[in-house]
N, C-alpha and C. Protein backbone atom coordinates (compact mmCIF):
# COMPACT_ATOMS: atom_id res chain seq x y z
N UNK A 1 -19.27 82.98 -115.59
CA UNK A 1 -19.74 81.48 -116.26
C UNK A 1 -21.11 81.41 -114.96
N UNK A 2 -22.25 80.89 -115.53
CA UNK A 2 -23.30 80.59 -114.79
C UNK A 2 -23.45 79.17 -114.73
N UNK A 3 -23.21 78.46 -113.31
CA UNK A 3 -23.38 77.07 -113.39
C UNK A 3 -24.91 76.43 -112.70
N UNK A 4 -25.31 75.71 -113.65
CA UNK A 4 -26.51 75.15 -113.47
C UNK A 4 -26.68 73.71 -112.74
N UNK A 5 -25.46 73.36 -112.73
CA UNK A 5 -25.99 71.52 -112.34
C UNK A 5 -25.36 71.59 -111.00
N UNK A 6 -25.97 72.33 -110.03
CA UNK A 6 -25.62 72.39 -108.12
C UNK A 6 -27.16 72.26 -108.11
N UNK A 7 -28.18 71.60 -108.77
CA UNK A 7 -29.53 71.67 -108.09
C UNK A 7 -30.97 72.36 -108.69
N UNK A 8 -31.78 71.77 -108.08
CA UNK A 8 -32.99 73.12 -108.62
C UNK A 8 -34.07 73.02 -107.28
N UNK A 9 -34.63 73.57 -107.48
CA UNK A 9 -35.83 73.84 -106.54
C UNK A 9 -37.15 74.05 -107.03
N UNK A 10 -37.86 73.15 -105.76
CA UNK A 10 -38.90 72.54 -105.79
C UNK A 10 -39.82 72.95 -104.83
N UNK A 11 -40.86 72.89 -104.89
CA UNK A 11 -42.03 72.87 -103.40
C UNK A 11 -43.06 71.70 -103.59
N UNK A 12 -43.70 71.20 -102.66
CA UNK A 12 -44.17 70.11 -102.40
C UNK A 12 -45.28 70.39 -102.78
N UNK A 13 -46.79 69.28 -102.62
CA UNK A 13 -48.43 70.28 -102.61
C UNK A 13 -48.55 70.96 -101.91
N UNK A 14 -47.89 71.09 -100.49
CA UNK A 14 -48.82 71.90 -99.23
C UNK A 14 -47.29 73.56 -99.73
N UNK A 15 -46.46 73.40 -100.75
CA UNK A 15 -46.10 74.46 -100.49
C UNK A 15 -44.79 75.04 -100.14
N UNK A 16 -44.20 73.72 -99.75
CA UNK A 16 -42.91 73.40 -98.49
C UNK A 16 -41.66 73.66 -99.89
N UNK A 17 -41.03 74.33 -99.43
CA UNK A 17 -39.58 74.67 -100.53
C UNK A 17 -38.80 72.99 -99.94
N UNK A 18 -38.20 72.32 -101.37
CA UNK A 18 -36.61 71.17 -101.14
C UNK A 18 -36.25 71.84 -102.36
N UNK A 19 -34.56 70.93 -102.63
CA UNK A 19 -34.17 71.09 -103.40
C UNK A 19 -33.65 69.92 -103.84
N UNK A 20 -33.04 69.40 -104.85
CA UNK A 20 -32.71 68.10 -105.42
C UNK A 20 -31.48 68.65 -106.34
N UNK A 21 -30.31 67.63 -105.77
CA UNK A 21 -29.15 67.67 -105.58
C UNK A 21 -28.43 67.12 -106.86
N UNK A 22 -27.30 67.80 -107.52
CA UNK A 22 -26.54 67.56 -108.71
C UNK A 22 -27.30 67.81 -109.98
N UNK A 23 -28.07 66.69 -110.93
CA UNK A 23 -29.07 67.23 -112.00
C UNK A 23 -29.67 68.47 -111.58
N UNK A 24 -30.37 68.03 -110.58
CA UNK A 24 -31.78 68.55 -109.97
C UNK A 24 -32.91 68.14 -110.84
N UNK A 25 -32.66 66.64 -111.25
CA UNK A 25 -34.29 66.06 -111.43
C UNK A 25 -34.94 64.72 -111.03
N UNK A 26 -35.72 64.93 -110.79
CA UNK A 26 -36.65 63.48 -109.60
C UNK A 26 -36.41 62.49 -110.09
N UNK A 27 -35.15 61.47 -109.25
CA UNK A 27 -34.95 60.52 -109.40
C UNK A 27 -35.32 59.63 -108.69
N UNK A 28 -35.62 60.05 -107.08
CA UNK A 28 -36.01 59.46 -106.18
C UNK A 28 -37.08 59.81 -105.38
N UNK A 29 -38.40 59.12 -104.98
CA UNK A 29 -39.17 59.78 -104.32
C UNK A 29 -39.06 59.77 -102.69
N UNK A 30 -39.22 60.66 -102.14
CA UNK A 30 -39.12 60.88 -100.68
C UNK A 30 -40.46 61.42 -100.20
N UNK A 31 -40.02 61.95 -98.60
CA UNK A 31 -41.25 62.66 -98.18
C UNK A 31 -40.39 63.98 -97.58
N UNK A 32 -41.99 64.83 -97.53
CA UNK A 32 -41.61 66.27 -97.18
C UNK A 32 -41.30 66.38 -95.60
N UNK A 33 -40.19 66.75 -95.33
CA UNK A 33 -39.88 67.20 -93.38
C UNK A 33 -40.91 67.81 -92.84
N UNK A 34 -41.72 68.84 -93.24
CA UNK A 34 -42.28 69.33 -93.12
C UNK A 34 -44.03 69.13 -92.76
N UNK A 35 -44.56 68.61 -94.16
CA UNK A 35 -45.71 67.82 -93.90
C UNK A 35 -46.30 66.23 -93.91
N UNK A 36 -44.70 65.51 -94.69
CA UNK A 36 -44.97 64.61 -94.79
C UNK A 36 -45.42 64.17 -96.25
N UNK A 37 -45.67 65.31 -97.38
CA UNK A 37 -46.46 65.16 -98.69
C UNK A 37 -45.21 64.36 -99.56
N UNK A 38 -45.64 63.49 -100.14
CA UNK A 38 -44.74 62.97 -101.45
C UNK A 38 -43.66 64.16 -101.65
N UNK A 39 -42.63 63.92 -102.29
CA UNK A 39 -41.45 65.17 -102.48
C UNK A 39 -40.76 64.06 -103.71
N UNK A 40 -39.98 65.10 -104.74
CA UNK A 40 -39.76 64.02 -105.24
C UNK A 40 -40.21 63.63 -106.23
N UNK A 41 -39.46 62.04 -106.63
CA UNK A 41 -40.35 61.67 -107.87
C UNK A 41 -39.92 60.46 -108.56
N UNK A 42 -39.72 59.59 -109.41
CA UNK A 42 -39.20 58.65 -110.42
C UNK A 42 -38.71 58.77 -111.58
N UNK A 43 -37.85 58.43 -112.23
CA UNK A 43 -37.67 58.43 -113.63
C UNK A 43 -37.82 59.71 -114.58
N UNK A 44 -37.04 60.72 -113.24
CA UNK A 44 -37.48 62.45 -113.95
C UNK A 44 -39.08 62.79 -114.09
N UNK A 45 -39.47 62.32 -113.67
CA UNK A 45 -41.39 63.11 -113.32
C UNK A 45 -41.34 63.15 -111.77
N UNK A 46 -41.56 64.47 -111.67
CA UNK A 46 -42.08 64.74 -110.34
C UNK A 46 -43.59 64.02 -109.53
N UNK A 47 -43.42 63.85 -108.39
CA UNK A 47 -44.54 63.40 -107.36
C UNK A 47 -45.72 64.16 -108.05
N UNK A 48 -47.35 63.86 -108.12
CA UNK A 48 -48.09 64.24 -108.47
C UNK A 48 -48.67 65.79 -107.17
N UNK A 49 -48.33 67.09 -107.65
CA UNK A 49 -48.65 68.37 -106.39
C UNK A 49 -47.27 69.36 -106.39
N UNK A 50 -46.39 68.61 -107.42
CA UNK A 50 -45.10 68.79 -106.74
C UNK A 50 -44.83 70.00 -107.58
N UNK A 51 -44.18 70.91 -107.80
CA UNK A 51 -44.02 71.87 -108.89
C UNK A 51 -42.34 72.41 -108.78
N UNK A 52 -41.73 73.30 -109.80
CA UNK A 52 -40.64 74.06 -109.19
C UNK A 52 -40.88 75.22 -108.87
N UNK A 53 -39.93 75.66 -108.07
CA UNK A 53 -40.02 76.94 -107.13
C UNK A 53 -39.46 78.10 -108.00
N UNK A 54 -40.01 79.19 -109.07
CA UNK A 54 -39.25 79.67 -109.30
C UNK A 54 -38.89 80.54 -109.28
N UNK A 55 -39.47 81.28 -108.17
CA UNK A 55 -38.68 82.05 -107.01
C UNK A 55 -37.33 81.62 -106.17
N UNK A 56 -37.13 80.37 -105.97
CA UNK A 56 -35.76 80.26 -105.03
C UNK A 56 -34.86 79.76 -106.73
N UNK A 57 -35.28 79.45 -107.48
CA UNK A 57 -34.47 79.11 -108.74
C UNK A 57 -33.87 80.59 -109.05
N UNK A 58 -34.79 81.59 -109.29
CA UNK A 58 -33.73 83.04 -109.77
C UNK A 58 -33.15 83.53 -108.42
N UNK A 59 -33.26 83.06 -107.19
CA UNK A 59 -32.78 84.12 -106.19
C UNK A 59 -31.44 82.93 -106.24
N UNK A 60 -31.11 81.80 -106.47
CA UNK A 60 -29.59 81.11 -106.06
C UNK A 60 -29.37 80.62 -107.01
N UNK A 61 -28.65 81.32 -107.77
CA UNK A 61 -27.92 80.89 -109.28
C UNK A 61 -26.38 81.36 -108.73
N UNK A 62 -25.70 80.24 -109.53
CA UNK A 62 -24.29 80.55 -108.64
C UNK A 62 -23.67 80.85 -109.85
N UNK A 63 -22.68 82.14 -109.50
CA UNK A 63 -21.35 82.43 -111.09
C UNK A 63 -20.01 81.85 -110.31
N UNK A 64 -19.61 81.17 -111.21
CA UNK A 64 -18.31 80.67 -110.72
C UNK A 64 -17.66 81.24 -111.57
């Protein structure tokens, strides 16, 4: 069984990777600890310049 509710991987506008836990959707804004750029988002919309990190998504799938 592949479990997808452990969060999702994203990258800030400067390419630093971060994760959003639980449902994996953006419902809180924060800042990147590496560069200070806006990360996350509100109302399930990513902040401008953020994007899904498909490389990490494919590497970190959880089998239960």
